[in-house]
Protein backbone atom coordinates (compact mmCIF):
# COMPACT_ATOMS: atom_id res chain seq x y z
CA MET A 1 68.32 -68.47 154.23
CA ALA A 2 70.20 -68.02 150.92
CA SER A 3 73.76 -66.04 151.02
CA ILE A 4 77.03 -65.39 149.58
CA TYR A 5 78.73 -67.47 151.88
CA ASP A 6 76.94 -70.66 150.22
CA LEU A 7 79.34 -70.26 147.59
CA LYS A 8 82.77 -70.53 149.80
CA PRO A 9 83.11 -74.12 149.09
CA ARG A 10 83.73 -73.41 145.40
CA PHE A 11 85.31 -70.26 146.03
CA GLN A 12 87.71 -71.74 147.93
CA GLU A 13 88.56 -74.83 145.50
CA LEU A 14 89.23 -71.98 143.13
CA LEU A 15 91.61 -70.67 145.30
CA ARG A 16 93.02 -73.80 146.39
CA PRO A 17 96.24 -73.88 143.66
CA VAL A 18 97.38 -70.31 145.24
CA LEU A 19 97.03 -71.45 148.61
CA GLY A 20 99.56 -74.04 147.71
CA ARG A 21 102.00 -71.69 146.68
CA LEU A 22 101.71 -69.22 149.49
CA ARG A 23 102.22 -72.26 152.09
CA ASP A 24 105.45 -73.05 150.04
CA ALA A 25 106.70 -69.32 150.48
CA GLY A 26 106.37 -69.21 154.06
CA VAL A 27 103.20 -67.19 154.39
CA THR A 28 101.18 -67.81 157.29
CA PRO A 29 97.48 -67.45 158.09
CA ASN A 30 97.96 -64.66 160.56
CA ALA A 31 99.92 -62.95 157.96
CA LEU A 32 96.96 -63.38 155.57
CA THR A 33 94.62 -62.08 157.96
CA LEU A 34 96.93 -58.55 159.05
CA ALA A 35 97.23 -58.29 154.97
CA ALA A 36 93.42 -58.37 154.51
CA LEU A 37 92.92 -55.98 157.33
CA GLY A 38 95.84 -53.64 156.08
CA LEU A 39 94.16 -53.91 152.32
CA SER A 40 90.84 -53.05 154.18
CA VAL A 41 92.25 -49.66 155.53
CA CYS A 42 93.48 -48.50 152.21
CA THR A 43 90.29 -49.47 150.20
CA GLY A 44 88.68 -47.34 153.06
CA LEU A 45 90.97 -44.27 152.22
CA VAL A 46 90.59 -44.31 148.63
CA PHE A 47 86.87 -45.33 149.15
CA TRP A 48 86.71 -41.60 150.68
CA LEU A 49 89.48 -39.83 148.42
CA ALA A 50 86.88 -40.95 145.56
CA VAL A 51 84.96 -38.45 146.88
CA ARG A 52 87.10 -35.99 145.04
CA VAL A 53 88.62 -38.54 142.35
CA HIS A 54 85.62 -40.26 141.50
CA VAL A 55 87.17 -42.98 138.99
CA LEU A 56 88.78 -44.39 142.64
CA LEU A 57 85.45 -45.72 142.89
CA LEU A 58 86.42 -48.64 140.71
CA VAL A 59 89.15 -49.64 142.54
CA VAL A 60 86.68 -50.82 145.71
CA PRO A 61 84.56 -53.81 144.26
CA PHE A 62 88.34 -55.32 143.37
CA ALA A 63 89.87 -54.88 146.51
CA LEU A 64 86.91 -55.85 148.31
CA PHE A 65 87.29 -59.52 146.00
CA VAL A 66 90.69 -59.48 146.77
CA ARG A 67 89.80 -59.35 150.57
CA MET A 68 87.10 -61.76 150.57
CA ALA A 69 90.09 -64.35 148.64
CA LEU A 70 92.61 -63.56 151.66
CA ASN A 71 89.86 -64.11 154.47
CA ALA A 72 89.31 -67.39 152.74
CA LEU A 73 92.61 -68.28 152.38
CA ASP A 74 93.83 -67.88 155.82
CA GLY A 75 91.13 -70.08 157.35
CA MET A 76 91.86 -72.68 154.26
CA MET A 77 95.59 -72.56 155.64
CA ALA A 78 94.87 -72.74 159.33
CA ARG A 79 92.82 -75.62 159.05
CA GLU A 80 94.26 -77.72 156.29
CA TYR A 81 97.68 -77.07 157.47
CA GLY A 82 96.82 -77.16 161.11
CA MET A 83 98.27 -73.94 162.04
CA SER A 84 95.13 -72.98 163.66
CA SER A 85 95.70 -70.94 167.10
CA LYS A 86 93.96 -68.70 169.55
CA LEU A 87 95.71 -65.72 168.36
CA GLY A 88 95.06 -66.16 164.69
CA GLN A 89 90.87 -66.78 166.20
CA VAL A 90 91.21 -63.36 167.94
CA LEU A 91 93.18 -61.52 164.87
CA ASN A 92 90.43 -63.05 162.22
CA GLU A 93 87.27 -61.99 164.14
CA LEU A 94 88.66 -58.61 165.20
CA GLY A 95 90.00 -58.17 161.72
CA ASP A 96 86.87 -58.74 159.95
CA VAL A 97 84.95 -55.76 162.19
CA VAL A 98 87.80 -53.56 162.04
CA SER A 99 87.80 -54.11 158.11
CA ASP A 100 84.47 -53.84 157.88
CA ILE A 101 83.93 -50.12 159.83
CA ALA A 102 87.17 -49.10 157.71
CA VAL A 103 85.78 -49.82 154.53
CA PHE A 104 82.06 -49.52 154.93
CA LEU A 105 81.99 -46.01 156.70
CA PRO A 106 83.68 -43.68 154.24
CA LEU A 107 80.17 -44.80 151.97
CA ALA A 108 78.82 -41.98 154.26
CA ALA A 109 81.12 -39.04 152.40
CA HIS A 110 79.03 -40.23 149.02
CA ALA A 111 76.00 -40.17 150.73
CA HIS A 112 73.02 -38.27 150.79
CA ASP A 113 72.30 -38.47 154.11
CA ALA A 114 74.95 -40.15 156.32
CA TRP A 115 72.67 -42.06 159.55
CA PRO A 116 71.77 -45.09 157.11
CA VAL A 117 75.13 -45.70 156.15
CA TRP A 118 75.88 -45.50 160.23
CA LEU A 119 73.27 -47.70 160.96
CA PHE A 120 74.12 -50.10 158.52
CA VAL A 121 77.73 -50.56 159.87
CA LEU A 122 75.98 -50.54 163.39
CA LEU A 123 74.24 -53.84 162.89
CA GLY A 124 77.07 -55.54 161.06
CA VAL A 125 79.40 -55.21 164.28
CA VAL A 126 76.23 -56.88 166.18
CA ASN A 127 75.59 -59.26 163.71
CA GLU A 128 79.42 -60.25 163.45
CA PHE A 129 78.94 -60.35 167.46
CA ALA A 130 75.58 -62.59 167.16
CA GLY A 131 77.86 -65.26 165.43
CA VAL A 132 80.66 -65.00 167.92
CA LEU A 133 78.37 -65.39 170.47
CA ALA A 134 76.89 -68.28 169.15
CA VAL A 135 79.88 -70.02 170.14
CA GLY A 136 79.56 -69.96 173.78
CA VAL A 137 75.73 -70.91 173.65
CA CYS A 138 75.78 -73.81 171.37
CA GLY A 139 79.16 -74.43 170.59
CA ALA A 140 79.32 -73.57 167.08
CA ARG A 141 80.31 -69.96 164.82
CA LEU A 142 77.68 -69.10 162.98
CA TYR A 143 77.16 -67.43 159.91
CA ASP A 144 73.62 -67.58 158.77
CA GLY A 145 72.37 -64.90 156.53
CA PRO A 146 70.68 -63.32 154.27
CA MET A 147 73.06 -60.45 155.34
CA GLY A 148 76.91 -61.67 156.45
CA LYS A 149 80.26 -60.80 156.11
CA SER A 150 80.63 -61.96 152.27
CA ASP A 151 77.21 -60.19 151.22
CA ARG A 152 78.07 -56.82 153.09
CA ALA A 153 81.25 -56.75 151.32
CA PHE A 154 79.33 -57.53 147.75
CA ALA A 155 76.64 -54.71 148.81
CA VAL A 156 79.45 -51.75 149.64
CA GLY A 157 81.06 -52.91 146.12
CA LEU A 158 78.14 -52.51 144.46
CA ALA A 159 77.10 -49.51 146.01
CA ALA A 160 80.46 -48.20 144.74
CA LEU A 161 79.98 -48.99 141.20
CA MET A 162 76.85 -47.48 141.21
CA LEU A 163 78.29 -44.24 142.73
CA TRP A 164 80.37 -44.89 139.85
CA ALA A 165 77.86 -44.99 136.96
CA TRP A 166 75.48 -42.81 138.46
CA ARG A 167 77.19 -39.79 140.06
CA ASP A 168 74.58 -37.43 140.79
CA LEU A 169 71.54 -39.92 141.57
CA ALA A 170 73.85 -42.38 143.06
CA PRO A 171 74.06 -40.39 147.12
CA LEU A 172 69.90 -40.23 146.88
CA LEU A 173 69.64 -44.17 146.27
CA LEU A 174 71.74 -45.34 148.89
CA THR A 175 69.49 -44.24 151.60
CA PRO A 176 66.83 -46.90 151.03
CA TYR A 177 69.49 -49.14 149.73
CA CYS A 178 71.58 -48.86 153.14
CA VAL A 179 67.99 -48.97 155.45
CA LEU A 180 67.07 -52.39 152.95
CA LEU A 181 70.70 -53.46 154.19
CA SER A 182 69.87 -52.80 157.79
CA LEU A 183 66.47 -54.52 158.00
CA LEU A 184 68.19 -57.80 155.95
CA LEU A 185 71.02 -57.04 159.35
CA VAL A 186 68.39 -57.34 161.79
CA LYS A 187 67.28 -60.79 159.99
CA SER A 188 70.44 -62.19 159.39
CA THR A 189 71.24 -61.40 163.50
CA ALA A 190 67.61 -63.10 164.57
CA ASN A 191 68.60 -66.17 162.58
CA ARG A 192 71.78 -66.31 164.42
CA VAL A 193 70.58 -66.02 167.83
CA LEU A 194 67.61 -68.31 167.02
CA THR A 195 69.93 -71.03 165.48
CA ALA A 196 72.18 -70.91 168.15
CA LEU A 197 69.50 -71.25 170.96
CA ALA A 198 67.60 -74.12 168.92
CA ARG A 199 70.94 -76.02 169.04
CA SER A 200 71.43 -75.44 172.58
CA GLY A 201 67.98 -77.11 173.22
CA GLU A 202 66.77 -73.67 174.53
CA ARG A 203 63.08 -73.11 173.87
CA LEU A 204 61.55 -69.68 173.55
């Protein structure tokens, strides 16, 4: 199913000149992963402060885009320069989940009802677990959409822009918006589980 993840190869090509410069400067994949995590924590704090300083909402989409670039660069560097490691795999998977929680939970402070945001965040964690679980089932990490990591970042960045543009209306709109995202997450998780089972030869 279509996902922003499908654009990853083209995005990586755009980042390739930056990759070479980072490697020449001695930057490691793990450093990029930790930088993405640190950026996410700071972005979450900014998102929370934006309840009082409204203009800070504009920082969130930009920061999420930079985080996506860092996430792409750490994987590219690990593969293309033979710098993969078990520690890197652990940092990458845990870092992504912690980063999502740090950035996405503050959305609840802007919403009329907090529970849809909490549901969205929880289902996002389950979705990533399903992708990692596939390694043990079929031997491959799965990223099936339609609401993968990049899609969730885009959706939350869009929510921040909505809150900035429609200050009074957007908090009410966040309830159906997050419910829709949660339904797409359920679909994504089901897709990952079914794909893993199919690749393993398991029949339901």
